[in-house]
Amino acid sequence: MLKKRSFSLSRHRTSVALEAEFWAVLEAEAERSGVSLAALVSSIDRKRGMRPLASALRVYALAAASRSP
């Protein structure tokens, strides 16, 4: 099931729907990095290029999960 979160990115409000498992990885990665989830999402948003935000977040989460022990 998808879980929707809302963020302000580049002064625009946007909502992203991801599976709870992806949000869990992103939240853990934000905590590990010492930043808020919103700050992590904003950072990923700035680097995503033409990729949809939801896809960029999933790719980031998969990469982060593969780095974890």
C-alpha atoms as a PDB file:
ATOM      1  CA  MET A   1       0.000   0.000   0.000  1.00  0.00           C
ATOM      2  CA  LEU A   2       1.219   3.488  -0.847  1.00  0.00           C
ATOM      3  CA  LYS A   3       1.792   6.097   1.835  1.00  0.00           C
ATOM      4  CA  LYS A   4       1.598   9.743   0.771  1.00  0.00           C
ATOM      5  CA  ARG A   5       3.828  12.479   2.207  1.00  0.00           C
ATOM      6  CA  SER A   6       3.821  16.186   1.397  1.00  0.00           C
ATOM      7  CA  PHE A   7       6.894  18.414   1.148  1.00  0.00           C
ATOM      8  CA  SER A   8       7.830  21.950   0.138  1.00  0.00           C
ATOM      9  CA  LEU A   9      10.460  21.704  -2.577  1.00  0.00           C
ATOM     10  CA  SER A  10      11.858  24.816  -4.226  1.00  0.00           C
ATOM     11  CA  ARG A  11       9.024  26.822  -2.662  1.00  0.00           C
ATOM     12  CA  HIS A  12       6.366  24.524  -4.176  1.00  0.00           C
ATOM     13  CA  ARG A  13       4.210  22.065  -2.264  1.00  0.00           C
ATOM     14  CA  THR A  14       4.286  18.532  -3.646  1.00  0.00           C
ATOM     15  CA  SER A  15       3.055  15.132  -2.537  1.00  0.00           C
ATOM     16  CA  VAL A  16       4.824  11.844  -3.100  1.00  0.00           C
ATOM     17  CA  ALA A  17       3.308   8.395  -2.700  1.00  0.00           C
ATOM     18  CA  LEU A  18       5.684   5.508  -1.959  1.00  0.00           C
ATOM     19  CA  GLU A  19       5.421   2.111  -0.359  1.00  0.00           C
ATOM     20  CA  ALA A  20       5.960   2.166   3.418  1.00  0.00           C
ATOM     21  CA  GLU A  21       9.160   0.137   3.041  1.00  0.00           C
ATOM     22  CA  PHE A  22      10.756   2.890   0.925  1.00  0.00           C
ATOM     23  CA  TRP A  23       9.741   5.561   3.449  1.00  0.00           C
ATOM     24  CA  ALA A  24      11.295   3.467   6.234  1.00  0.00           C
ATOM     25  CA  VAL A  25      14.634   3.313   4.412  1.00  0.00           C
ATOM     26  CA  LEU A  26      14.528   7.036   3.614  1.00  0.00           C
ATOM     27  CA  GLU A  27      13.706   7.910   7.233  1.00  0.00           C
ATOM     28  CA  ALA A  28      16.564   5.729   8.487  1.00  0.00           C
ATOM     29  CA  GLU A  29      18.952   7.298   5.987  1.00  0.00           C
ATOM     30  CA  ALA A  30      17.899  10.804   7.027  1.00  0.00           C
ATOM     31  CA  GLU A  31      18.443   9.920  10.681  1.00  0.00           C
ATOM     32  CA  ARG A  32      21.818   8.336   9.918  1.00  0.00           C
ATOM     33  CA  SER A  33      22.834  11.493   8.030  1.00  0.00           C
ATOM     34  CA  GLY A  34      21.584  13.789  10.782  1.00  0.00           C
ATOM     35  CA  VAL A  35      19.059  15.596   8.591  1.00  0.00           C
ATOM     36  CA  SER A  36      15.289  15.751   8.461  1.00  0.00           C
ATOM     37  CA  LEU A  37      13.359  13.631   5.991  1.00  0.00           C
ATOM     38  CA  ALA A  38      12.320  16.847   4.240  1.00  0.00           C
ATOM     39  CA  ALA A  39      15.964  17.899   3.856  1.00  0.00           C
ATOM     40  CA  LEU A  40      16.900  14.490   2.433  1.00  0.00           C
ATOM     41  CA  VAL A  41      14.003  14.584  -0.036  1.00  0.00           C
ATOM     42  CA  SER A  42      14.978  18.134  -1.038  1.00  0.00           C
ATOM     43  CA  SER A  43      18.562  17.016  -1.665  1.00  0.00           C
ATOM     44  CA  ILE A  44      17.412  14.086  -3.804  1.00  0.00           C
ATOM     45  CA  ASP A  45      15.019  16.413  -5.658  1.00  0.00           C
ATOM     46  CA  ARG A  46      17.844  18.797  -6.601  1.00  0.00           C
ATOM     47  CA  LYS A  47      19.907  15.937  -8.087  1.00  0.00           C
ATOM     48  CA  ARG A  48      17.196  13.937  -9.868  1.00  0.00           C
ATOM     49  CA  GLY A  49      17.357  15.542 -13.298  1.00  0.00           C
ATOM     50  CA  MET A  50      14.377  14.562 -15.455  1.00  0.00           C
ATOM     51  CA  ARG A  51      13.472  11.485 -13.373  1.00  0.00           C
ATOM     52  CA  PRO A  52      10.130  11.696 -11.510  1.00  0.00           C
ATOM     53  CA  LEU A  53      10.616  12.419  -7.815  1.00  0.00           C
ATOM     54  CA  ALA A  54       8.991   9.170  -6.674  1.00  0.00           C
ATOM     55  CA  SER A  55      11.349   7.191  -8.909  1.00  0.00           C
ATOM     56  CA  ALA A  56      14.385   9.133  -7.675  1.00  0.00           C
ATOM     57  CA  LEU A  57      13.395   8.436  -4.073  1.00  0.00           C
ATOM     58  CA  ARG A  58      12.973   4.713  -4.765  1.00  0.00           C
ATOM     59  CA  VAL A  59      16.361   4.504  -6.515  1.00  0.00           C
ATOM     60  CA  TYR A  60      18.014   6.374  -3.629  1.00  0.00           C
ATOM     61  CA  ALA A  61      16.372   4.066  -1.079  1.00  0.00           C
ATOM     62  CA  LEU A  62      17.468   0.953  -2.975  1.00  0.00           C
ATOM     63  CA  ALA A  63      21.043   2.240  -3.150  1.00  0.00           C
ATOM     64  CA  ALA A  64      21.012   3.133   0.560  1.00  0.00           C
ATOM     65  CA  ALA A  65      19.596  -0.269   1.496  1.00  0.00           C
ATOM     66  CA  SER A  66      22.314  -2.042  -0.503  1.00  0.00           C
ATOM     67  CA  ARG A  67      25.001  -0.096   1.419  1.00  0.00           C
ATOM     68  CA  SER A  68      23.570  -1.080   4.803  1.00  0.00           C
ATOM     69  CA  PRO A  69      24.948  -4.145   6.589  1.00  0.00           C
END
